[in-house]
Amino acid sequence: MLGTHPQEGLNDSETAADMSEPHIPSQQRPEESAGASATYQQLWAPWRLEYIQGAGADDAQQETFNLLPGADSRCFLCQAAGSQRDRARLVVHRTPYTLTVLNRYPYNNGHLLVCPQKHHARLDDLSDAEHLDVCRVLAKMIAALERTIHPGGFNVGLNLGHVAGAGLPGHLHWHVVPRWQGDTNFMPILAGVKVIPQALEALWEVLTDALRET
């Protein structure tokens, strides 16, 4: 199941500085004697501090939103739709009917969420114009990702209802997850670690620049 919010485990969009070259020094465990040869690996990940401290929650409380009719003020997608701070909200594309944001907690580099601007929970709540625009935007986002980060394929889909894995069941959203050959390598299997090689701010800049050119 594809995730979007902290309730779901792996979920929606995390702002960071450059993540491309983490420093991994080899250090001796403190409890081992000076002559011992065993070492452990330390992953330097300062971009995680914002997530640990919950900085985004304070920003949401201080920001004033121009919420659409029927919006849920607690919904991060409704907040993004009503915000003027696209970079802070990781919004890469808007149309009169849809919104596209970077997933703050991505499954893979380039993981996008495409949603209607309005707070709809069901497919039959969408107007014909919203249905058409979602399909057009999904195609546009896939093309932009192909031009910029060159994946080998995509997983595209949505979770309808909480029991189906939707972390935000009140607001429809489609996941666009780029895939590469070998992206399910030994790291998640042996170490329980998924490597995301690009910072979200850097990806935001790449995608918004590419979309301005189309």
Protein backbone atom coordinates (compact mmCIF):
# COMPACT_ATOMS: atom_id res chain seq x y z
CA MET A 1 0.00 0.00 0.00
CA LEU A 2 1.20 3.48 -0.81
CA GLY A 3 1.59 5.84 2.13
CA THR A 4 1.15 9.54 2.60
CA HIS A 5 1.03 10.65 6.19
CA PRO A 6 2.80 9.87 9.46
CA GLN A 7 -0.09 7.52 10.47
CA GLU A 8 0.84 5.27 7.57
CA GLY A 9 4.42 4.50 8.40
CA LEU A 10 6.33 5.64 5.31
CA ASN A 11 4.60 8.76 4.13
CA ASP A 12 4.29 12.32 2.55
CA SER A 13 7.00 15.38 1.91
CA GLU A 14 10.43 16.23 4.08
CA THR A 15 12.40 19.44 3.41
CA ALA A 16 16.18 19.02 3.58
CA ALA A 17 19.58 20.36 2.73
CA ASP A 18 21.91 18.50 0.36
CA MET A 19 21.62 14.75 0.99
CA SER A 20 23.77 13.57 -1.89
CA GLU A 21 27.00 12.73 0.00
CA PRO A 22 26.37 11.63 3.62
CA HIS A 23 29.47 11.30 5.79
CA ILE A 24 29.79 7.77 7.20
CA PRO A 25 32.84 7.57 9.46
CA SER A 26 33.96 4.25 10.89
CA GLN A 27 34.16 4.44 14.69
CA GLN A 28 35.06 2.08 17.47
CA ARG A 29 32.32 1.21 19.94
CA PRO A 30 32.95 2.97 23.29
CA GLU A 31 32.45 -0.22 25.29
CA GLU A 32 35.14 -2.09 23.34
CA SER A 33 38.78 -2.09 24.35
CA ALA A 34 41.33 -0.07 22.45
CA GLY A 35 42.71 -3.25 20.89
CA ALA A 36 39.36 -4.50 19.59
CA SER A 37 38.83 -4.45 15.85
CA ALA A 38 34.99 -4.31 15.71
CA THR A 39 33.56 -1.07 14.28
CA TYR A 40 30.17 0.43 13.62
CA GLN A 41 28.95 2.78 10.89
CA GLN A 42 27.62 6.24 11.78
CA LEU A 43 25.25 7.87 9.28
CA TRP A 44 25.41 11.67 9.47
CA ALA A 45 21.91 12.90 8.60
CA PRO A 46 21.35 16.49 9.83
CA TRP A 47 18.39 16.99 7.47
CA ARG A 48 16.37 14.71 9.80
CA LEU A 49 16.35 17.32 12.59
CA GLU A 50 13.30 19.16 11.21
CA TYR A 51 11.29 15.91 11.23
CA ILE A 52 12.45 14.98 14.75
CA GLN A 53 11.59 18.42 16.15
CA GLY A 54 8.27 18.61 14.28
CA ALA A 55 9.08 22.02 12.81
CA GLY A 56 6.34 21.78 10.19
CA ALA A 57 3.59 21.75 12.80
CA ASP A 58 4.53 25.22 14.09
CA ASP A 59 4.64 26.61 10.55
CA ALA A 60 1.13 25.26 9.84
CA GLN A 61 -0.26 26.91 12.98
CA GLN A 62 1.25 30.30 12.11
CA GLU A 63 0.30 30.34 8.42
CA THR A 64 -2.99 31.82 7.21
CA PHE A 65 -4.71 29.70 4.56
CA ASN A 66 -7.22 30.72 1.90
CA LEU A 67 -9.17 27.46 2.23
CA LEU A 68 -11.58 26.39 -0.49
CA PRO A 69 -15.27 25.69 0.28
CA GLY A 70 -15.63 22.29 1.96
CA ALA A 71 -11.94 22.16 2.92
CA ASP A 72 -10.71 20.47 6.10
CA SER A 73 -8.39 22.87 7.93
CA ARG A 74 -6.44 19.90 9.38
CA CYS A 75 -5.81 18.32 5.95
CA PHE A 76 -2.29 18.99 4.68
CA LEU A 77 -3.49 18.86 1.07
CA CYS A 78 -6.23 21.42 1.76
CA GLN A 79 -3.61 23.54 3.52
CA ALA A 80 -1.31 23.28 0.49
CA ALA A 81 -4.19 24.20 -1.84
CA GLY A 82 -4.94 27.29 0.28
CA SER A 83 -1.32 28.33 0.82
CA GLN A 84 0.72 30.92 -1.06
CA ARG A 85 3.99 29.25 0.02
CA ASP A 86 4.49 26.67 -2.72
CA ARG A 87 8.14 26.01 -1.91
CA ALA A 88 7.52 25.51 1.81
CA ARG A 89 4.54 23.26 1.02
CA LEU A 90 6.52 21.43 -1.70
CA VAL A 91 3.86 22.25 -4.31
CA VAL A 92 5.37 21.73 -7.76
CA HIS A 93 2.29 22.29 -9.94
CA ARG A 94 -1.21 23.80 -9.75
CA THR A 95 -4.15 23.91 -12.12
CA PRO A 96 -7.65 25.27 -11.44
CA TYR A 97 -8.69 21.71 -10.46
CA THR A 98 -5.61 19.87 -9.20
CA LEU A 99 -2.53 20.17 -7.03
CA THR A 100 0.77 18.25 -7.22
CA VAL A 101 3.09 18.06 -4.19
CA LEU A 102 6.26 16.18 -3.32
CA ASN A 103 5.66 13.41 -0.81
CA ARG A 104 7.39 14.56 2.39
CA TYR A 105 8.11 10.93 3.33
CA PRO A 106 8.83 9.36 -0.09
CA TYR A 107 9.07 5.68 -0.96
CA ASN A 108 11.48 6.62 -3.73
CA ASN A 109 13.14 9.73 -5.11
CA GLY A 110 10.58 11.80 -7.06
CA HIS A 111 7.50 10.42 -5.23
CA LEU A 112 4.63 12.81 -6.07
CA LEU A 113 1.04 13.19 -4.87
CA VAL A 114 -1.53 14.43 -7.39
CA CYS A 115 -4.88 15.45 -5.90
CA PRO A 116 -7.98 17.51 -6.60
CA GLN A 117 -7.81 20.96 -5.04
CA LYS A 118 -11.13 20.32 -3.31
CA HIS A 119 -11.48 17.97 -0.34
CA HIS A 120 -13.11 14.99 -2.09
CA ALA A 121 -13.07 11.51 -0.53
CA ARG A 122 -14.66 9.50 -3.37
CA LEU A 123 -14.09 9.20 -7.09
CA ASP A 124 -17.77 9.82 -7.78
CA ASP A 125 -17.44 13.16 -5.94
CA LEU A 126 -15.23 14.46 -8.75
CA SER A 127 -16.68 16.51 -11.58
CA ASP A 128 -15.96 15.56 -15.19
CA ALA A 129 -13.49 18.45 -15.38
CA GLU A 130 -11.66 17.21 -12.26
CA HIS A 131 -11.49 13.63 -13.58
CA LEU A 132 -10.02 14.83 -16.88
CA ASP A 133 -7.57 17.20 -15.25
CA VAL A 134 -6.24 14.53 -12.87
CA CYS A 135 -5.48 12.26 -15.83
CA ARG A 136 -3.81 15.07 -17.76
CA VAL A 137 -1.70 16.12 -14.76
CA LEU A 138 -0.63 12.53 -14.06
CA ALA A 139 0.65 12.29 -17.65
CA LYS A 140 2.36 15.69 -17.33
CA MET A 141 4.10 14.74 -14.09
CA ILE A 142 5.31 11.40 -15.46
CA ALA A 143 6.75 13.17 -18.51
CA ALA A 144 8.48 15.77 -16.29
CA LEU A 145 10.02 13.06 -14.10
CA GLU A 146 11.21 11.16 -17.19
CA ARG A 147 12.97 14.29 -18.48
CA THR A 148 14.58 15.24 -15.16
CA ILE A 149 15.48 12.14 -13.12
CA HIS A 150 15.15 9.44 -15.82
CA PRO A 151 13.41 6.55 -14.02
CA GLY A 152 12.94 3.20 -15.73
CA GLY A 153 9.25 2.96 -14.81
CA PHE A 154 6.53 4.11 -12.42
CA ASN A 155 4.01 2.88 -9.88
CA VAL A 156 0.86 5.01 -10.15
CA GLY A 157 -2.21 4.51 -7.98
CA LEU A 158 -4.40 5.55 -5.07
CA ASN A 159 -5.70 4.02 -1.84
CA LEU A 160 -9.46 4.39 -1.33
CA GLY A 161 -10.47 4.23 2.33
CA HIS A 162 -8.57 3.75 5.56
CA VAL A 163 -8.65 -0.07 5.40
CA ALA A 164 -7.04 0.12 1.95
CA GLY A 165 -4.10 2.03 3.39
CA ALA A 166 -5.15 5.64 2.88
CA GLY A 167 -3.50 7.78 5.54
CA LEU A 168 -5.66 10.71 4.44
CA PRO A 169 -8.93 9.04 3.43
CA GLY A 170 -10.87 12.32 3.22
CA HIS A 171 -8.83 13.78 0.35
CA LEU A 172 -8.24 11.73 -2.80
CA HIS A 173 -4.62 11.63 -3.98
CA TRP A 174 -2.76 9.63 -6.59
CA HIS A 175 0.78 8.44 -5.90
CA VAL A 176 3.37 8.69 -8.67
CA VAL A 177 6.43 6.66 -7.61
CA PRO A 178 9.42 6.55 -9.99
CA ARG A 179 11.23 3.20 -10.16
CA TRP A 180 14.71 2.15 -11.24
CA GLN A 181 16.21 -1.23 -11.96
CA GLY A 182 17.73 -2.45 -8.69
CA ASP A 183 16.03 0.14 -6.45
CA THR A 184 14.95 -2.70 -4.17
CA ASN A 185 18.53 -3.68 -3.39
CA PHE A 186 20.24 -5.12 -0.31
CA MET A 187 19.85 -1.95 1.81
CA PRO A 188 16.13 -2.34 2.71
CA ILE A 189 16.47 -6.13 2.90
CA LEU A 190 19.56 -6.41 5.11
CA ALA A 191 19.67 -3.05 6.90
CA GLY A 192 16.01 -1.98 6.90
CA VAL A 193 17.12 1.27 5.21
CA LYS A 194 15.70 2.91 2.09
CA VAL A 195 18.16 5.34 0.46
CA ILE A 196 16.70 8.55 -1.02
CA PRO A 197 19.60 10.19 -2.92
CA GLN A 198 18.17 13.68 -3.54
CA ALA A 199 17.05 16.40 -1.12
CA LEU A 200 13.41 17.47 -1.50
CA GLU A 201 14.34 21.14 -1.98
CA ALA A 202 16.72 20.20 -4.79
CA LEU A 203 14.05 18.02 -6.42
CA TRP A 204 11.47 20.84 -6.05
CA GLU A 205 13.78 23.19 -7.96
CA VAL A 206 14.46 20.65 -10.72
CA LEU A 207 10.78 19.84 -11.27
CA THR A 208 9.44 23.39 -11.07
CA ASP A 209 12.10 24.55 -13.56
CA ALA A 210 11.18 21.70 -15.93
CA LEU A 211 7.45 22.40 -15.63
CA ARG A 212 7.92 26.11 -16.37
CA GLU A 213 9.47 25.10 -19.70
CA THR A 214 6.37 23.14 -20.83
